[in-house]
């Protein structure tokens, strides 16, 4: 009886059709990045920002631009460079000679979907300008607060920190991203497909083939679906135990905050919905924990010297915590 109540609460047939359309449209251009695409859609439903990391040339920016084509909302792109100033991002007050008053000229951060390209190539002062807008969806300039339109999503790409000309993002900045997604080199068969598709297009721009699927209103409706997803109390405890373990693990210098717990919960609910369920399973939590935690924890200096990755530590933690039955 209780299970029937769950199914009556959310009409998943509408959602499933929209999710399939999104995957099909992105699949026209992006090859072999199914999990990346799925987690980007998850972030949209969970109302969270995403940091995408990978070496140059693995389609980080292209994937973000594709997402902007699929969602019928305002889009802006900011290329972060070492000489970029906070006012170049947020906007500034300009004196109007006709009215003899200062008027606020909004910067490119004012949009629904904002792509920040190579976020770790700008200095700390410019990175810090994003703190308020990413957390509170507003910007305060000269004592005046300017609200962002909904939905509001920041997609940022970054190069691995060991690359020349990069600045490490501070922990407070990283914590404002729901997910950190890693884009690896493609497998051989995928790279052959990429080459074949590029050859067949004969110079055509692939992104022009992608059609809008979702409107701003539909995104807000899908988020309402996500809020209604059922989570058993023992799964809430499971999330808390995973995050608690990051704070007590000898391999880690810095554990995750309660914001990470909430991120795993919201991400798991969105992932359940994307996969046609109105209840969270332990598998949702296991999958979402890695992109949520990898940028919120820090290895101890000794383990970092040994070359252990944060993903390996997260796997050890997940394997250690008992899965609810």
C-alpha atoms as a PDB file:
ATOM      1  CA  UNK A   1       0.000   0.000   0.000  1.00  0.00           C
ATOM      2  CA  UNK A   2       2.819   2.376   0.937  1.00  0.00           C
ATOM      3  CA  UNK A   3       4.674   1.675  -2.320  1.00  0.00           C
ATOM      4  CA  UNK A   4       1.552   2.528  -4.350  1.00  0.00           C
ATOM      5  CA  UNK A   5       1.413   5.853  -2.517  1.00  0.00           C
ATOM      6  CA  UNK A   6       4.960   6.595  -3.715  1.00  0.00           C
ATOM      7  CA  UNK A   7       4.041   5.931  -7.334  1.00  0.00           C
ATOM      8  CA  UNK A   8       0.925   8.071  -7.079  1.00  0.00           C
ATOM      9  CA  UNK A   9       2.936  11.003  -5.783  1.00  0.00           C
ATOM     10  CA  UNK A  10       5.063  11.630  -8.892  1.00  0.00           C
ATOM     11  CA  UNK A  11       4.134  11.240 -12.549  1.00  0.00           C
ATOM     12  CA  UNK A  12       7.450   9.861 -13.793  1.00  0.00           C
ATOM     13  CA  UNK A  13       6.277   9.261 -17.360  1.00  0.00           C
ATOM     14  CA  UNK A  14       6.529  12.996 -18.171  1.00  0.00           C
ATOM     15  CA  UNK A  15       9.984  13.224 -16.671  1.00  0.00           C
ATOM     16  CA  UNK A  16      11.347  10.083 -18.323  1.00  0.00           C
ATOM     17  CA  UNK A  17      10.448  11.408 -21.765  1.00  0.00           C
ATOM     18  CA  UNK A  18      12.202  14.724 -21.121  1.00  0.00           C
ATOM     19  CA  UNK A  19      15.336  13.094 -19.720  1.00  0.00           C
ATOM     20  CA  UNK A  20      15.561  10.800 -22.764  1.00  0.00           C
ATOM     21  CA  UNK A  21      15.267  13.818 -25.079  1.00  0.00           C
ATOM     22  CA  UNK A  22      18.132  15.576 -23.272  1.00  0.00           C
ATOM     23  CA  UNK A  23      20.401  12.516 -23.506  1.00  0.00           C
ATOM     24  CA  UNK A  24      19.532  12.025 -27.191  1.00  0.00           C
ATOM     25  CA  UNK A  25      20.301  15.649 -28.073  1.00  0.00           C
ATOM     26  CA  UNK A  26      23.671  15.675 -26.271  1.00  0.00           C
ATOM     27  CA  UNK A  27      24.459  12.242 -27.740  1.00  0.00           C
ATOM     28  CA  UNK A  28      24.356  13.792 -31.218  1.00  0.00           C
ATOM     29  CA  UNK A  29      27.670  15.500 -30.424  1.00  0.00           C
ATOM     30  CA  UNK A  30      29.290  14.029 -27.291  1.00  0.00           C
ATOM     31  CA  UNK A  31      30.602  10.479 -27.534  1.00  0.00           C
ATOM     32  CA  UNK A  32      31.196   8.149 -24.572  1.00  0.00           C
ATOM     33  CA  UNK A  33      30.447  10.540 -21.706  1.00  0.00           C
ATOM     34  CA  UNK A  34      27.160   9.046 -20.517  1.00  0.00           C
ATOM     35  CA  UNK A  35      27.850   9.432 -16.804  1.00  0.00           C
ATOM     36  CA  UNK A  36      29.045  13.032 -17.242  1.00  0.00           C
ATOM     37  CA  UNK A  37      25.816  13.899 -19.058  1.00  0.00           C
ATOM     38  CA  UNK A  38      23.674  12.100 -16.469  1.00  0.00           C
ATOM     39  CA  UNK A  39      25.351  13.928 -13.582  1.00  0.00           C
ATOM     40  CA  UNK A  40      24.941  17.295 -15.317  1.00  0.00           C
ATOM     41  CA  UNK A  41      21.203  16.642 -15.638  1.00  0.00           C
ATOM     42  CA  UNK A  42      21.196  15.522 -11.997  1.00  0.00           C
ATOM     43  CA  UNK A  43      22.771  18.844 -10.975  1.00  0.00           C
ATOM     44  CA  UNK A  44      20.090  20.789 -12.851  1.00  0.00           C
ATOM     45  CA  UNK A  45      17.322  18.965 -10.970  1.00  0.00           C
ATOM     46  CA  UNK A  46      19.211  19.331  -7.667  1.00  0.00           C
ATOM     47  CA  UNK A  47      19.706  23.089  -8.248  1.00  0.00           C
ATOM     48  CA  UNK A  48      23.481  22.848  -7.875  1.00  0.00           C
ATOM     49  CA  UNK A  49      26.560  24.280  -9.583  1.00  0.00           C
ATOM     50  CA  UNK A  50      29.080  22.014 -11.321  1.00  0.00           C
ATOM     51  CA  UNK A  51      32.859  22.124 -11.663  1.00  0.00           C
ATOM     52  CA  UNK A  52      34.195  20.135 -14.640  1.00  0.00           C
ATOM     53  CA  UNK A  53      37.888  19.266 -14.617  1.00  0.00           C
ATOM     54  CA  UNK A  54      39.995  17.785 -17.401  1.00  0.00           C
ATOM     55  CA  UNK A  55      42.974  18.448 -19.632  1.00  0.00           C
ATOM     56  CA  UNK A  56      42.432  20.761 -22.638  1.00  0.00           C
ATOM     57  CA  UNK A  57      40.670  19.178 -25.599  1.00  0.00           C
ATOM     58  CA  UNK A  58      38.333  16.679 -23.884  1.00  0.00           C
ATOM     59  CA  UNK A  59      35.137  18.657 -24.676  1.00  0.00           C
ATOM     60  CA  UNK A  60      34.526  20.239 -21.254  1.00  0.00           C
ATOM     61  CA  UNK A  61      33.437  23.573 -22.694  1.00  0.00           C
ATOM     62  CA  UNK A  62      31.575  21.945 -25.573  1.00  0.00           C
ATOM     63  CA  UNK A  63      29.518  19.849 -23.153  1.00  0.00           C
ATOM     64  CA  UNK A  64      28.593  22.944 -21.130  1.00  0.00           C
ATOM     65  CA  UNK A  65      27.625  24.838 -24.296  1.00  0.00           C
ATOM     66  CA  UNK A  66      25.487  21.910 -25.407  1.00  0.00           C
ATOM     67  CA  UNK A  67      23.643  22.056 -22.110  1.00  0.00           C
ATOM     68  CA  UNK A  68      22.922  25.733 -22.742  1.00  0.00           C
ATOM     69  CA  UNK A  69      21.405  24.809 -26.125  1.00  0.00           C
ATOM     70  CA  UNK A  70      19.193  22.114 -24.633  1.00  0.00           C
ATOM     71  CA  UNK A  71      17.796  24.404 -21.939  1.00  0.00           C
ATOM     72  CA  UNK A  72      15.812  27.313 -23.379  1.00  0.00           C
ATOM     73  CA  UNK A  73      17.092  29.945 -20.916  1.00  0.00           C
ATOM     74  CA  UNK A  74      19.475  32.914 -20.988  1.00  0.00           C
ATOM     75  CA  UNK A  75      23.119  31.907 -21.348  1.00  0.00           C
ATOM     76  CA  UNK A  76      26.393  33.743 -20.862  1.00  0.00           C
ATOM     77  CA  UNK A  77      30.025  32.689 -21.056  1.00  0.00           C
ATOM     78  CA  UNK A  78      32.945  34.202 -19.160  1.00  0.00           C
ATOM     79  CA  UNK A  79      36.537  33.375 -20.065  1.00  0.00           C
ATOM     80  CA  UNK A  80      38.597  33.658 -16.889  1.00  0.00           C
ATOM     81  CA  UNK A  81      42.079  35.102 -17.401  1.00  0.00           C
ATOM     82  CA  UNK A  82      44.827  36.327 -15.013  1.00  0.00           C
ATOM     83  CA  UNK A  83      43.942  40.004 -15.641  1.00  0.00           C
ATOM     84  CA  UNK A  84      40.164  39.617 -15.125  1.00  0.00           C
ATOM     85  CA  UNK A  85      38.730  41.925 -12.452  1.00  0.00           C
ATOM     86  CA  UNK A  86      35.665  41.278 -10.223  1.00  0.00           C
ATOM     87  CA  UNK A  87      33.802  44.150 -11.906  1.00  0.00           C
ATOM     88  CA  UNK A  88      34.316  42.399 -15.280  1.00  0.00           C
ATOM     89  CA  UNK A  89      32.251  39.520 -13.892  1.00  0.00           C
ATOM     90  CA  UNK A  90      29.709  41.131 -11.567  1.00  0.00           C
ATOM     91  CA  UNK A  91      29.192  44.495 -13.237  1.00  0.00           C
ATOM     92  CA  UNK A  92      29.784  48.057 -12.072  1.00  0.00           C
ATOM     93  CA  UNK A  93      28.035  51.364 -11.399  1.00  0.00           C
ATOM     94  CA  UNK A  94      28.244  53.799 -14.321  1.00  0.00           C
ATOM     95  CA  UNK A  95      27.512  57.526 -14.112  1.00  0.00           C
ATOM     96  CA  UNK A  96      24.612  58.585 -16.321  1.00  0.00           C
ATOM     97  CA  UNK A  97      25.117  62.157 -17.563  1.00  0.00           C
ATOM     98  CA  UNK A  98      21.419  62.570 -18.437  1.00  0.00           C
ATOM     99  CA  UNK A  99      20.071  61.648 -15.010  1.00  0.00           C
ATOM    100  CA  UNK A 100      23.171  62.724 -13.022  1.00  0.00           C
ATOM    101  CA  UNK A 101      22.955  59.404 -11.151  1.00  0.00           C
ATOM    102  CA  UNK A 102      24.929  56.188 -11.025  1.00  0.00           C
ATOM    103  CA  UNK A 103      23.298  53.226 -12.748  1.00  0.00           C
ATOM    104  CA  UNK A 104      24.246  49.592 -12.303  1.00  0.00           C
ATOM    105  CA  UNK A 105      25.496  47.910 -15.476  1.00  0.00           C
ATOM    106  CA  UNK A 106      25.111  44.169 -14.962  1.00  0.00           C
ATOM    107  CA  UNK A 107      28.038  41.887 -15.800  1.00  0.00           C
ATOM    108  CA  UNK A 108      27.906  38.532 -17.599  1.00  0.00           C
ATOM    109  CA  UNK A 109      27.260  36.681 -14.310  1.00  0.00           C
ATOM    110  CA  UNK A 110      23.635  37.845 -14.677  1.00  0.00           C
ATOM    111  CA  UNK A 111      22.027  35.043 -16.647  1.00  0.00           C
ATOM    112  CA  UNK A 112      20.233  31.723 -16.058  1.00  0.00           C
ATOM    113  CA  UNK A 113      23.078  29.461 -17.145  1.00  0.00           C
ATOM    114  CA  UNK A 114      26.609  30.828 -16.753  1.00  0.00           C
ATOM    115  CA  UNK A 115      29.625  29.041 -18.215  1.00  0.00           C
ATOM    116  CA  UNK A 116      32.890  30.074 -16.564  1.00  0.00           C
ATOM    117  CA  UNK A 117      35.684  28.783 -18.738  1.00  0.00           C
ATOM    118  CA  UNK A 118      39.005  27.916 -17.039  1.00  0.00           C
ATOM    119  CA  UNK A 119      37.952  29.251 -13.647  1.00  0.00           C
ATOM    120  CA  UNK A 120      41.355  28.477 -12.110  1.00  0.00           C
ATOM    121  CA  UNK A 121      43.216  30.818 -14.473  1.00  0.00           C
ATOM    122  CA  UNK A 122      41.907  33.929 -12.674  1.00  0.00           C
ATOM    123  CA  UNK A 123      43.453  35.185  -9.418  1.00  0.00           C
ATOM    124  CA  UNK A 124      41.859  34.744  -5.993  1.00  0.00           C
ATOM    125  CA  UNK A 125      40.254  38.218  -5.961  1.00  0.00           C
ATOM    126  CA  UNK A 126      38.174  37.436  -9.046  1.00  0.00           C
ATOM    127  CA  UNK A 127      37.340  33.918  -7.850  1.00  0.00           C
ATOM    128  CA  UNK A 128      36.108  35.373  -4.536  1.00  0.00           C
ATOM    129  CA  UNK A 129      33.657  37.574  -6.450  1.00  0.00           C
ATOM    130  CA  UNK A 130      31.607  34.422  -7.092  1.00  0.00           C
ATOM    131  CA  UNK A 131      31.093  33.531  -3.420  1.00  0.00           C
ATOM    132  CA  UNK A 132      27.858  35.436  -2.870  1.00  0.00           C
ATOM    133  CA  UNK A 133      26.233  34.786  -6.232  1.00  0.00           C
ATOM    134  CA  UNK A 134      26.829  31.023  -6.114  1.00  0.00           C
ATOM    135  CA  UNK A 135      25.580  30.616  -2.549  1.00  0.00           C
ATOM    136  CA  UNK A 136      22.767  33.160  -2.344  1.00  0.00           C
ATOM    137  CA  UNK A 137      21.881  33.739  -6.026  1.00  0.00           C
ATOM    138  CA  UNK A 138      22.416  37.473  -5.632  1.00  0.00           C
ATOM    139  CA  UNK A 139      25.108  40.133  -6.114  1.00  0.00           C
ATOM    140  CA  UNK A 140      25.750  43.115  -3.843  1.00  0.00           C
ATOM    141  CA  UNK A 141      27.463  46.097  -5.509  1.00  0.00           C
ATOM    142  CA  UNK A 142      27.817  49.529  -3.900  1.00  0.00           C
ATOM    143  CA  UNK A 143      25.408  48.555  -1.134  1.00  0.00           C
ATOM    144  CA  UNK A 144      22.635  47.448  -3.511  1.00  0.00           C
ATOM    145  CA  UNK A 145      21.558  43.806  -3.819  1.00  0.00           C
ATOM    146  CA  UNK A 146      20.606  42.420  -7.217  1.00  0.00           C
ATOM    147  CA  UNK A 147      18.761  39.075  -7.358  1.00  0.00           C
ATOM    148  CA  UNK A 148      19.373  36.441 -10.024  1.00  0.00           C
ATOM    149  CA  UNK A 149      16.629  35.009 -12.201  1.00  0.00           C
ATOM    150  CA  UNK A 150      15.553  31.414 -11.580  1.00  0.00           C
ATOM    151  CA  UNK A 151      16.769  28.872 -12.532  1.00  0.00           C
ATOM    152  CA  UNK A 152      20.382  29.879 -11.913  1.00  0.00           C
ATOM    153  CA  UNK A 153      23.248  27.486 -12.604  1.00  0.00           C
ATOM    154  CA  UNK A 154      27.014  27.998 -12.824  1.00  0.00           C
ATOM    155  CA  UNK A 155      29.020  25.524 -14.888  1.00  0.00           C
ATOM    156  CA  UNK A 156      32.755  26.050 -14.493  1.00  0.00           C
ATOM    157  CA  UNK A 157      35.580  24.263 -16.277  1.00  0.00           C
ATOM    158  CA  UNK A 158      39.105  24.029 -14.934  1.00  0.00           C
ATOM    159  CA  UNK A 159      42.389  22.512 -15.983  1.00  0.00           C
ATOM    160  CA  UNK A 160      44.211  20.165 -13.595  1.00  0.00           C
ATOM    161  CA  UNK A 161      46.003  22.277 -10.976  1.00  0.00           C
ATOM    162  CA  UNK A 162      49.441  21.023 -11.957  1.00  0.00           C
ATOM    163  CA  UNK A 163      49.103  22.730 -15.358  1.00  0.00           C
ATOM    164  CA  UNK A 164      51.002  25.964 -15.958  1.00  0.00           C
ATOM    165  CA  UNK A 165      49.217  29.234 -15.223  1.00  0.00           C
ATOM    166  CA  UNK A 166      46.561  27.863 -12.867  1.00  0.00           C
ATOM    167  CA  UNK A 167      45.526  29.007  -9.394  1.00  0.00           C
ATOM    168  CA  UNK A 168      44.198  26.480  -6.894  1.00  0.00           C
ATOM    169  CA  UNK A 169      40.586  27.244  -5.963  1.00  0.00           C
ATOM    170  CA  UNK A 170      40.144  27.869  -2.212  1.00  0.00           C
ATOM    171  CA  UNK A 171      38.115  25.388  -0.164  1.00  0.00           C
ATOM    172  CA  UNK A 172      35.303  27.913   0.376  1.00  0.00           C
ATOM    173  CA  UNK A 173      34.954  28.300  -3.396  1.00  0.00           C
ATOM    174  CA  UNK A 174      35.027  24.573  -4.082  1.00  0.00           C
ATOM    175  CA  UNK A 175      32.397  23.948  -1.412  1.00  0.00           C
ATOM    176  CA  UNK A 176      29.893  25.999  -3.402  1.00  0.00           C
ATOM    177  CA  UNK A 177      29.906  23.470  -6.242  1.00  0.00           C
ATOM    178  CA  UNK A 178      27.459  20.601  -5.847  1.00  0.00           C
ATOM    179  CA  UNK A 179      29.590  18.283  -8.006  1.00  0.00           C
ATOM    180  CA  UNK A 180      33.126  18.121  -9.265  1.00  0.00           C
ATOM    181  CA  UNK A 181      33.155  16.004 -12.425  1.00  0.00           C
ATOM    182  CA  UNK A 182      36.315  14.594 -13.996  1.00  0.00           C
ATOM    183  CA  UNK A 183      36.522  14.251 -17.785  1.00  0.00           C
ATOM    184  CA  UNK A 184      39.087  11.631 -18.781  1.00  0.00           C
ATOM    185  CA  UNK A 185      40.591  10.856 -22.156  1.00  0.00           C
ATOM    186  CA  UNK A 186      38.202   8.872 -24.386  1.00  0.00           C
ATOM    187  CA  UNK A 187      38.604   5.126 -24.886  1.00  0.00           C
ATOM    188  CA  UNK A 188      40.005   3.958 -28.244  1.00  0.00           C
ATOM    189  CA  UNK A 189      36.637   2.983 -29.752  1.00  0.00           C
ATOM    190  CA  UNK A 190      35.099   6.284 -28.649  1.00  0.00           C
ATOM    191  CA  UNK A 191      37.975   8.256 -30.140  1.00  0.00           C
ATOM    192  CA  UNK A 192      37.553   6.427 -33.440  1.00  0.00           C
ATOM    193  CA  UNK A 193      33.850   7.403 -33.401  1.00  0.00           C
ATOM    194  CA  UNK A 194      34.807  11.037 -32.659  1.00  0.00           C
ATOM    195  CA  UNK A 195      37.158  11.062 -35.655  1.00  0.00           C
ATOM    196  CA  UNK A 196      34.568   9.409 -37.900  1.00  0.00           C
ATOM    197  CA  UNK A 197      31.857  11.902 -36.899  1.00  0.00           C
ATOM    198  CA  UNK A 198      34.204  14.851 -37.434  1.00  0.00           C
ATOM    199  CA  UNK A 199      35.157  13.522 -40.879  1.00  0.00           C
ATOM    200  CA  UNK A 200      31.518  12.976 -41.890  1.00  0.00           C
ATOM    201  CA  UNK A 201      30.431  16.504 -40.877  1.00  0.00           C
ATOM    202  CA  UNK A 202      32.845  18.036 -43.441  1.00  0.00           C
ATOM    203  CA  UNK A 203      33.303  21.273 -41.490  1.00  0.00           C
ATOM    204  CA  UNK A 204      29.714  21.620 -40.203  1.00  0.00           C
ATOM    205  CA  UNK A 205      29.299  22.931 -36.648  1.00  0.00           C
ATOM    206  CA  UNK A 206      27.895  20.015 -34.591  1.00  0.00           C
ATOM    207  CA  UNK A 207      26.310  22.151 -31.878  1.00  0.00           C
ATOM    208  CA  UNK A 208      23.871  23.644 -34.399  1.00  0.00           C
ATOM    209  CA  UNK A 209      22.134  20.243 -34.653  1.00  0.00           C
ATOM    210  CA  UNK A 210      21.083  20.338 -31.000  1.00  0.00           C
ATOM    211  CA  UNK A 211      17.511  21.452 -30.275  1.00  0.00           C
ATOM    212  CA  UNK A 212      16.069  22.982 -27.057  1.00  0.00           C
ATOM    213  CA  UNK A 213      14.285  20.462 -24.828  1.00  0.00           C
ATOM    214  CA  UNK A 214      13.546  22.211 -21.525  1.00  0.00           C
ATOM    215  CA  UNK A 215      12.193  25.653 -20.642  1.00  0.00           C
ATOM    216  CA  UNK A 216      12.792  27.495 -17.376  1.00  0.00           C
ATOM    217  CA  UNK A 217       9.264  26.623 -16.244  1.00  0.00           C
ATOM    218  CA  UNK A 218       9.800  22.923 -16.956  1.00  0.00           C
ATOM    219  CA  UNK A 219      13.037  22.904 -14.950  1.00  0.00           C
ATOM    220  CA  UNK A 220      11.254  24.381 -11.945  1.00  0.00           C
ATOM    221  CA  UNK A 221       8.502  21.766 -12.364  1.00  0.00           C
ATOM    222  CA  UNK A 222      11.057  18.931 -12.493  1.00  0.00           C
ATOM    223  CA  UNK A 223      12.666  20.261  -9.321  1.00  0.00           C
ATOM    224  CA  UNK A 224       9.284  19.955  -7.629  1.00  0.00           C
ATOM    225  CA  UNK A 225       9.288  16.276  -8.652  1.00  0.00           C
ATOM    226  CA  UNK A 226      12.696  15.912  -7.044  1.00  0.00           C
ATOM    227  CA  UNK A 227      11.598  17.449  -3.732  1.00  0.00           C
ATOM    228  CA  UNK A 228       8.912  14.760  -3.412  1.00  0.00           C
ATOM    229  CA  UNK A 229      11.281  11.795  -3.701  1.00  0.00           C
ATOM    230  CA  UNK A 230      11.020   9.460  -0.706  1.00  0.00           C
ATOM    231  CA  UNK A 231      14.107   8.780   1.455  1.00  0.00           C
ATOM    232  CA  UNK A 232      14.045   6.107   4.181  1.00  0.00           C
ATOM    233  CA  UNK A 233      15.376   7.213   7.607  1.00  0.00           C
ATOM    234  CA  UNK A 234      18.088   4.538   7.505  1.00  0.00           C
ATOM    235  CA  UNK A 235      19.394   6.078   4.250  1.00  0.00           C
ATOM    236  CA  UNK A 236      19.619   9.495   5.890  1.00  0.00           C
ATOM    237  CA  UNK A 237      21.740   7.826   8.571  1.00  0.00           C
ATOM    238  CA  UNK A 238      23.820   6.137   5.839  1.00  0.00           C
ATOM    239  CA  UNK A 239      24.626   9.529   4.271  1.00  0.00           C
ATOM    240  CA  UNK A 240      25.571  10.980   7.649  1.00  0.00           C
ATOM    241  CA  UNK A 241      27.832   8.003   8.423  1.00  0.00           C
ATOM    242  CA  UNK A 242      29.710   8.390   5.111  1.00  0.00           C
ATOM    243  CA  UNK A 243      30.324  12.098   5.731  1.00  0.00           C
ATOM    244  CA  UNK A 244      31.264  11.490   9.379  1.00  0.00           C
ATOM    245  CA  UNK A 245      33.832   8.940   8.237  1.00  0.00           C
ATOM    246  CA  UNK A 246      35.597  11.590   6.139  1.00  0.00           C
ATOM    247  CA  UNK A 247      36.193  13.573   9.334  1.00  0.00           C
ATOM    248  CA  UNK A 248      37.702  10.626  11.214  1.00  0.00           C
ATOM    249  CA  UNK A 249      39.743   9.048   8.423  1.00  0.00           C
ATOM    250  CA  UNK A 250      43.534   9.099   9.050  1.00  0.00           C
ATOM    251  CA  UNK A 251      44.188   9.442   5.303  1.00  0.00           C
ATOM    252  CA  UNK A 252      42.460  12.827   5.240  1.00  0.00           C
ATOM    253  CA  UNK A 253      43.599  16.208   6.481  1.00  0.00           C
ATOM    254  CA  UNK A 254      40.189  17.831   5.870  1.00  0.00           C
ATOM    255  CA  UNK A 255      36.785  16.157   6.120  1.00  0.00           C
ATOM    256  CA  UNK A 256      33.478  17.148   4.552  1.00  0.00           C
ATOM    257  CA  UNK A 257      31.044  19.642   6.104  1.00  0.00           C
ATOM    258  CA  UNK A 258      27.272  19.237   6.675  1.00  0.00           C
ATOM    259  CA  UNK A 259      26.819  20.992   3.322  1.00  0.00           C
ATOM    260  CA  UNK A 260      28.259  17.823   1.775  1.00  0.00           C
ATOM    261  CA  UNK A 261      25.615  15.708   3.536  1.00  0.00           C
ATOM    262  CA  UNK A 262      22.845  17.886   2.122  1.00  0.00           C
ATOM    263  CA  UNK A 263      24.488  17.759  -1.329  1.00  0.00           C
ATOM    264  CA  UNK A 264      24.540  13.936  -1.281  1.00  0.00           C
ATOM    265  CA  UNK A 265      20.878  13.897  -0.238  1.00  0.00           C
ATOM    266  CA  UNK A 266      19.666  16.323  -2.921  1.00  0.00           C
ATOM    267  CA  UNK A 267      21.894  14.754  -5.570  1.00  0.00           C
ATOM    268  CA  UNK A 268      20.663  11.245  -4.715  1.00  0.00           C
ATOM    269  CA  UNK A 269      17.031  12.335  -4.954  1.00  0.00           C
ATOM    270  CA  UNK A 270      17.638  13.919  -8.366  1.00  0.00           C
ATOM    271  CA  UNK A 271      19.541  10.848  -9.581  1.00  0.00           C
ATOM    272  CA  UNK A 272      16.682   8.588  -8.480  1.00  0.00           C
ATOM    273  CA  UNK A 273      14.203  10.669 -10.468  1.00  0.00           C
ATOM    274  CA  UNK A 274      16.407  10.604 -13.582  1.00  0.00           C
ATOM    275  CA  UNK A 275      16.428   6.818 -13.362  1.00  0.00           C
ATOM    276  CA  UNK A 276      12.654   6.557 -13.132  1.00  0.00           C
ATOM    277  CA  UNK A 277      12.236   6.125  -9.381  1.00  0.00           C
ATOM    278  CA  UNK A 278      10.529   8.217  -6.718  1.00  0.00           C
ATOM    279  CA  UNK A 279      12.618   6.742  -3.906  1.00  0.00           C
ATOM    280  CA  UNK A 280      16.344   6.866  -3.138  1.00  0.00           C
ATOM    281  CA  UNK A 281      18.378   3.657  -3.086  1.00  0.00           C
ATOM    282  CA  UNK A 282      21.826   3.014  -1.542  1.00  0.00           C
ATOM    283  CA  UNK A 283      23.213   2.826  -5.097  1.00  0.00           C
ATOM    284  CA  UNK A 284      22.155   6.435  -5.724  1.00  0.00           C
ATOM    285  CA  UNK A 285      24.041   7.517  -2.605  1.00  0.00           C
ATOM    286  CA  UNK A 286      27.173   5.534  -3.512  1.00  0.00           C
ATOM    287  CA  UNK A 287      27.309   7.024  -7.006  1.00  0.00           C
ATOM    288  CA  UNK A 288      26.589  10.610  -5.931  1.00  0.00           C
ATOM    289  CA  UNK A 289      29.016  10.548  -2.967  1.00  0.00           C
ATOM    290  CA  UNK A 290      32.112  10.625  -5.193  1.00  0.00           C
ATOM    291  CA  UNK A 291      31.378  13.819  -7.205  1.00  0.00           C
ATOM    292  CA  UNK A 292      30.059  15.493  -4.043  1.00  0.00           C
ATOM    293  CA  UNK A 293      33.025  14.641  -1.819  1.00  0.00           C
ATOM    294  CA  UNK A 294      36.070  14.678  -4.122  1.00  0.00           C
ATOM    295  CA  UNK A 295      36.490  18.478  -3.952  1.00  0.00           C
ATOM    296  CA  UNK A 296      35.425  18.834  -0.312  1.00  0.00           C
ATOM    297  CA  UNK A 297      38.065  16.616   1.299  1.00  0.00           C
ATOM    298  CA  UNK A 298      41.847  17.010   1.423  1.00  0.00           C
ATOM    299  CA  UNK A 299      44.454  14.279   1.681  1.00  0.00           C
ATOM    300  CA  UNK A 300      47.022  14.362   4.465  1.00  0.00           C
ATOM    301  CA  UNK A 301      50.380  15.662   3.145  1.00  0.00           C
ATOM    302  CA  UNK A 302      51.987  12.226   3.529  1.00  0.00           C
ATOM    303  CA  UNK A 303      49.298  10.458   1.483  1.00  0.00           C
ATOM    304  CA  UNK A 304      49.344  13.194  -1.148  1.00  0.00           C
ATOM    305  CA  UNK A 305      53.084  12.605  -1.555  1.00  0.00           C
ATOM    306  CA  UNK A 306      52.392   8.894  -1.997  1.00  0.00           C
ATOM    307  CA  UNK A 307      50.102   9.654  -4.933  1.00  0.00           C
ATOM    308  CA  UNK A 308      46.846   8.399  -3.419  1.00  0.00           C
ATOM    309  CA  UNK A 309      43.795  10.097  -4.966  1.00  0.00           C
ATOM    310  CA  UNK A 310      40.741  11.431  -3.164  1.00  0.00           C
ATOM    311  CA  UNK A 311      38.557   9.109  -5.277  1.00  0.00           C
ATOM    312  CA  UNK A 312      40.434   6.103  -3.882  1.00  0.00           C
ATOM    313  CA  UNK A 313      39.846   7.305  -0.315  1.00  0.00           C
ATOM    314  CA  UNK A 314      36.140   7.904  -0.999  1.00  0.00           C
ATOM    315  CA  UNK A 315      35.850   4.335  -2.317  1.00  0.00           C
ATOM    316  CA  UNK A 316      37.521   2.999   0.843  1.00  0.00           C
ATOM    317  CA  UNK A 317      35.078   4.987   2.988  1.00  0.00           C
ATOM    318  CA  UNK A 318      32.016   3.800   1.055  1.00  0.00           C
ATOM    319  CA  UNK A 319      33.231   0.186   1.259  1.00  0.00           C
ATOM    320  CA  UNK A 320      33.743   0.571   5.009  1.00  0.00           C
ATOM    321  CA  UNK A 321      30.322   1.993   5.919  1.00  0.00           C
ATOM    322  CA  UNK A 322      27.667  -0.714   6.176  1.00  0.00           C
ATOM    323  CA  UNK A 323      24.928  -0.465   3.559  1.00  0.00           C
ATOM    324  CA  UNK A 324      21.377  -0.336   5.032  1.00  0.00           C
ATOM    325  CA  UNK A 325      19.128  -3.271   4.208  1.00  0.00           C
END
